[in-house]
């Protein structure tokens, strides 16, 4: 069970997150947890809820609101992913997502820096977080390292070699991630195009996608990108992922047709998903995600 001190710290962090976005004219929204359709994701298996799915992310709902004319949105919600359990994983976890039109992933990295720095300064000003600013550097900009450069510096093979051998995740987790965010936060960016997810490719370098992840103390906290707003290309990516899911012996669920239709009206934007439980872990110095949630599944 979460301690009284950690519970107070968690509440303080969530309160500070809301203040940060409200001061920047973001609108806090609340979208459904049960959805009839999800984006197909090869490495994520959703939980079934009757004839619906429990959301793995509020991404599709939030992007539809962008397409409907809303410009700055954030949400704190629970997400569900089947079989995810470990020191950094829970099958149900808290997510912070925000989206903003008219910016790209570089602007989003800067805003993410502002959020982290703001939280550290706000939390370190009171008695709940002694020495927080001494543990995490506030020097900006945070370290920025391309995926290619990170593999060149820390891995025993190149990104291309890891992808060709279907060992990208293995090499990333075992050889690269233990070196990221040590001493100061790190943005790992410019992901290889095959790992673009829902990110757009760089116009002048289409072999990489405008995607980044934030690391602090070797822990991956956030995944953000310049949004892909081409419905034709997005459909092609979804179809490819659906085929991979079928090849893995799972059912991908229906194609998110209404989302693809709405994508035609979505302006250029950037968005990010940040694991709120992991953020609380990092800011409180906890060793496990179970230490910072109100009630772990193991306690029921």
Foldseek 3Di string as FASTA:
>chain_A
DADPLLQVLLVLLVVLLVVLQVVVVADEDDDDQWAQADQFDQVFAFDDDPNTTGAQDCVLVVLLVLLVPDFKYKYWDKHATPPFDDQETDRIAIKIKMKGFPDWLVVVLVVVLVSVLSSQVSSCVDDSFPCLCVQEPNDPPFAEAEQQRQCVVWFPDGCVVCVVVVNNVVRCLPTRLQPAQHNYKYKYFFAAQVPQQQFAADPVHRRTGQKIWIDHNSDTFKIKGWGDLQLVVSVVNSVVSQVSNVVVVHHRRDDPVVSSVSSPSRHTMMMMMGGSLVVSCSSRVNRGSCNNDPHGPVRD
